[in-house]
Amino acid sequence: MATQKRVRKSPEERRAEVYGAARAIALESGLAAVTQRAVAERVGVAPALVTHYVTRMELLVAEVFRDIAREELELVRASVEAVGDDPIERVVALLRGLIEDYRRDVALIWVDGWSLSRRNDDLAAVLVEEARAWEGFAAEVFQAGDAAGAFHAPDPLALARFVVGATDGLSAQSAVWTGVERETVGYVLEAVAALLRIPAEELARASY
């Protein structure tokens, strides 16, 4: 019987495998679980070979975080755009994307990101960049509503930072606390309505 010749994978293919393994581990168990050994076991290679295809594990972790965070933002952006031009509807869609419709695996990644970034400068730089992107998008939603006269948001970036910061805290809780998403959205709607100087019923009306 003829022996089947083993096909050697190209560096690009092997690196794609390494990245895919790291991403899968992050979504399953969080960024903290993305280690050289864990990635090697997932790919089926010796641990030393992992660093042959990536410069540093810190960079790989930062890359995985960046891609997942950007994907999440684009999903929320799409959901906001899908509701049309009504400023109130857009705010509700934004809050739903940040709180109610969160993906628990992504929430855990953000929690790990804030923690691990204290010891990973690459991750810290990426995390700040992605957090600012979230704030910028939320500010656009608030600024448009203020310009249209739908609500009061004279400092949309400050409001965006408050809302994103608050939902970051909720995301941390969501890593272990589930089943109260709808109730939490209600509380946040009330708080944001007060900041926008509109009746809470206006946001509640659009939320369900």
Protein backbone atom coordinates (compact mmCIF):
# COMPACT_ATOMS: atom_id res chain seq x y z
CA MET A 1 0.00 0.00 0.00
CA ALA A 2 1.37 3.38 -0.97
CA THR A 3 2.19 5.73 1.88
CA GLN A 4 0.22 8.98 1.70
CA LYS A 5 2.54 11.94 1.44
CA ARG A 6 2.10 14.47 4.19
CA VAL A 7 1.42 17.97 2.86
CA ARG A 8 3.40 20.70 4.55
CA LYS A 9 1.31 23.75 5.36
CA SER A 10 2.53 27.19 4.33
CA PRO A 11 3.51 29.74 7.00
CA GLU A 12 0.37 31.73 6.13
CA GLU A 13 -1.86 28.69 6.62
CA ARG A 14 -0.19 27.80 9.89
CA ARG A 15 -0.46 31.35 11.18
CA ALA A 16 -4.15 31.39 10.27
CA GLU A 17 -4.56 28.21 12.30
CA VAL A 18 -2.77 29.77 15.26
CA TYR A 19 -4.94 32.89 15.08
CA GLY A 20 -8.12 30.84 14.69
CA ALA A 21 -7.23 28.74 17.70
CA ALA A 22 -6.48 31.81 19.80
CA ARG A 23 -9.78 33.43 18.81
CA ALA A 24 -11.77 30.28 19.57
CA ILE A 25 -10.13 29.94 22.99
CA ALA A 26 -10.82 33.60 23.78
CA LEU A 27 -14.51 33.29 22.94
CA GLU A 28 -14.84 30.05 24.88
CA SER A 29 -12.82 30.88 27.98
CA GLY A 30 -11.70 34.51 27.82
CA LEU A 31 -8.47 36.25 26.86
CA ALA A 32 -6.68 35.00 29.95
CA ALA A 33 -6.96 31.47 28.57
CA VAL A 34 -5.06 32.36 25.38
CA THR A 35 -1.66 30.93 26.31
CA GLN A 36 1.11 29.48 24.19
CA ARG A 37 0.40 25.98 25.47
CA ALA A 38 -3.37 26.22 24.99
CA VAL A 39 -3.00 27.47 21.43
CA ALA A 40 -0.45 24.78 20.62
CA GLU A 41 -2.74 22.06 21.92
CA ARG A 42 -5.65 23.42 19.88
CA VAL A 43 -3.58 23.53 16.68
CA GLY A 44 -1.80 20.24 17.37
CA VAL A 45 1.78 21.51 17.32
CA ALA A 46 4.59 21.87 19.81
CA PRO A 47 4.36 25.04 21.96
CA ALA A 48 7.63 26.36 20.54
CA LEU A 49 6.12 26.41 17.06
CA VAL A 50 3.43 28.88 18.10
CA THR A 51 5.97 31.64 18.62
CA HIS A 52 7.51 30.71 15.29
CA TYR A 53 4.35 31.94 13.57
CA VAL A 54 3.55 34.91 15.83
CA THR A 55 6.01 37.55 16.99
CA ARG A 56 4.84 37.56 20.60
CA MET A 57 1.87 36.09 22.45
CA GLU A 58 1.05 39.58 23.75
CA LEU A 59 0.58 40.77 20.19
CA LEU A 60 -1.58 37.77 19.33
CA VAL A 61 -3.84 38.44 22.31
CA ALA A 62 -4.12 42.11 21.32
CA GLU A 63 -4.96 41.16 17.74
CA VAL A 64 -7.69 38.76 18.83
CA PHE A 65 -9.20 41.36 21.15
CA ARG A 66 -9.15 44.05 18.46
CA ASP A 67 -10.89 41.91 15.88
CA ILE A 68 -13.60 40.69 18.24
CA ALA A 69 -14.24 44.19 19.61
CA ARG A 70 -14.53 45.66 16.11
CA GLU A 71 -16.86 42.90 15.00
CA GLU A 72 -19.11 43.60 17.99
CA LEU A 73 -19.15 47.34 17.25
CA GLU A 74 -20.08 46.75 13.63
CA LEU A 75 -22.96 44.50 14.69
CA VAL A 76 -24.32 47.18 17.00
CA ARG A 77 -23.76 49.88 14.37
CA ALA A 78 -25.76 47.81 11.90
CA SER A 79 -28.61 47.36 14.37
CA VAL A 80 -28.72 51.12 15.01
CA GLU A 81 -28.70 51.93 11.31
CA ALA A 82 -31.45 49.37 10.70
CA VAL A 83 -34.02 51.28 12.76
CA GLY A 84 -33.87 54.32 10.48
CA ASP A 85 -33.50 58.00 11.32
CA ASP A 86 -35.70 58.34 14.41
CA PRO A 87 -33.33 59.62 17.16
CA ILE A 88 -35.20 57.91 19.99
CA GLU A 89 -35.27 54.58 18.20
CA ARG A 90 -31.55 54.88 17.51
CA VAL A 91 -30.75 55.51 21.18
CA VAL A 92 -32.77 52.47 22.20
CA ALA A 93 -31.05 50.33 19.58
CA LEU A 94 -27.69 51.54 20.89
CA LEU A 95 -28.59 50.69 24.49
CA ARG A 96 -29.96 47.30 23.48
CA GLY A 97 -26.74 46.53 21.64
CA LEU A 98 -24.67 47.55 24.63
CA ILE A 99 -26.73 45.74 27.26
CA GLU A 100 -29.60 43.50 26.29
CA ASP A 101 -28.21 41.94 23.14
CA TYR A 102 -24.72 41.46 24.52
CA ARG A 103 -22.84 38.31 23.77
CA ARG A 104 -21.68 36.83 27.05
CA ASP A 105 -18.46 35.58 25.48
CA VAL A 106 -17.57 39.07 24.21
CA ALA A 107 -18.45 40.59 27.59
CA LEU A 108 -15.95 38.25 29.21
CA ILE A 109 -13.30 39.27 26.69
CA TRP A 110 -13.76 42.96 27.57
CA VAL A 111 -13.49 42.13 31.28
CA ASP A 112 -10.27 40.22 30.66
CA GLY A 113 -9.03 43.00 28.40
CA TRP A 114 -9.24 45.65 31.09
CA SER A 115 -7.52 43.36 33.58
CA LEU A 116 -4.76 41.95 31.36
CA SER A 117 -3.94 45.33 29.81
CA ARG A 118 -2.18 46.31 33.03
CA ARG A 119 0.57 43.87 32.08
CA ASN A 120 0.25 43.89 28.29
CA ASP A 121 1.10 47.22 26.67
CA ASP A 122 0.04 46.00 23.22
CA LEU A 123 -3.37 45.04 24.53
CA ALA A 124 -3.67 48.30 26.48
CA ALA A 125 -3.10 50.37 23.33
CA VAL A 126 -5.64 48.36 21.34
CA LEU A 127 -8.20 48.39 24.16
CA VAL A 128 -8.07 52.18 24.48
CA GLU A 129 -8.44 52.54 20.72
CA GLU A 130 -11.47 50.25 20.58
CA ALA A 131 -13.07 51.84 23.65
CA ARG A 132 -12.70 55.26 22.01
CA ALA A 133 -14.32 53.86 18.84
CA TRP A 134 -17.33 52.78 20.89
CA GLU A 135 -17.52 56.18 22.56
CA GLY A 136 -17.23 57.92 19.21
CA PHE A 137 -20.09 55.95 17.71
CA ALA A 138 -22.33 56.50 20.73
CA ALA A 139 -21.49 60.22 20.61
CA GLU A 140 -22.61 60.33 16.97
CA VAL A 141 -25.99 58.88 17.95
CA PHE A 142 -26.45 61.43 20.75
CA GLN A 143 -25.17 64.34 18.68
CA ALA A 144 -27.60 63.61 15.85
CA GLY A 145 -30.53 63.49 18.26
CA ASP A 146 -29.51 66.74 19.89
CA ALA A 147 -29.15 68.44 16.50
CA ALA A 148 -32.60 67.24 15.50
CA GLY A 149 -34.10 68.64 18.69
CA ALA A 150 -35.30 65.23 19.82
CA PHE A 151 -33.52 65.47 23.16
CA HIS A 152 -30.89 67.43 25.10
CA ALA A 153 -27.29 66.27 24.62
CA PRO A 154 -25.03 69.37 24.41
CA ASP A 155 -21.92 67.31 25.24
CA PRO A 156 -22.51 64.06 23.33
CA LEU A 157 -19.01 62.69 23.95
CA ALA A 158 -19.30 63.09 27.72
CA LEU A 159 -22.68 61.38 27.63
CA ALA A 160 -21.28 58.62 25.43
CA ARG A 161 -18.41 58.01 27.83
CA PHE A 162 -20.83 57.76 30.73
CA VAL A 163 -23.09 55.31 28.90
CA VAL A 164 -20.24 53.15 27.59
CA GLY A 165 -18.54 53.19 30.98
CA ALA A 166 -21.74 52.18 32.73
CA THR A 167 -22.37 49.36 30.32
CA ASP A 168 -18.79 48.18 30.71
CA GLY A 169 -19.60 47.68 34.36
CA LEU A 170 -22.77 45.80 33.46
CA SER A 171 -20.76 43.66 31.08
CA ALA A 172 -18.45 42.71 33.92
CA GLN A 173 -21.48 41.58 35.94
CA SER A 174 -22.89 39.72 32.96
CA ALA A 175 -19.88 37.41 32.98
CA VAL A 176 -21.47 35.61 35.93
CA TRP A 177 -24.91 37.20 36.29
CA THR A 178 -27.52 36.45 33.64
CA GLY A 179 -31.29 36.47 33.38
CA VAL A 180 -31.90 40.12 34.29
CA GLU A 181 -31.05 41.75 30.96
CA ARG A 182 -34.51 43.19 30.32
CA GLU A 183 -34.76 44.60 33.83
CA THR A 184 -31.31 46.14 33.48
CA VAL A 185 -32.24 47.77 30.18
CA GLY A 186 -35.21 49.38 31.94
CA TYR A 187 -33.00 50.93 34.60
CA VAL A 188 -30.54 52.23 32.04
CA LEU A 189 -33.34 53.66 29.90
CA GLU A 190 -34.59 55.62 32.90
CA ALA A 191 -31.14 57.00 33.66
CA VAL A 192 -30.39 57.95 30.06
CA ALA A 193 -33.84 59.50 29.64
CA ALA A 194 -33.15 61.74 32.63
CA LEU A 195 -29.82 62.81 31.13
CA LEU A 196 -31.50 63.52 27.78
CA ARG A 197 -34.26 65.45 29.56
CA ILE A 198 -37.08 63.44 28.06
CA PRO A 199 -39.77 61.33 29.76
CA ALA A 200 -38.60 57.80 30.42
CA GLU A 201 -41.76 56.64 28.66
CA GLU A 202 -40.36 57.90 25.36
CA LEU A 203 -37.45 55.49 25.51
CA ALA A 204 -39.56 52.74 27.03
CA ARG A 205 -42.10 53.19 24.23
CA ALA A 206 -39.45 52.44 21.66
CA SER A 207 -37.77 49.63 23.55
CA TYR A 208 -40.43 46.91 23.33
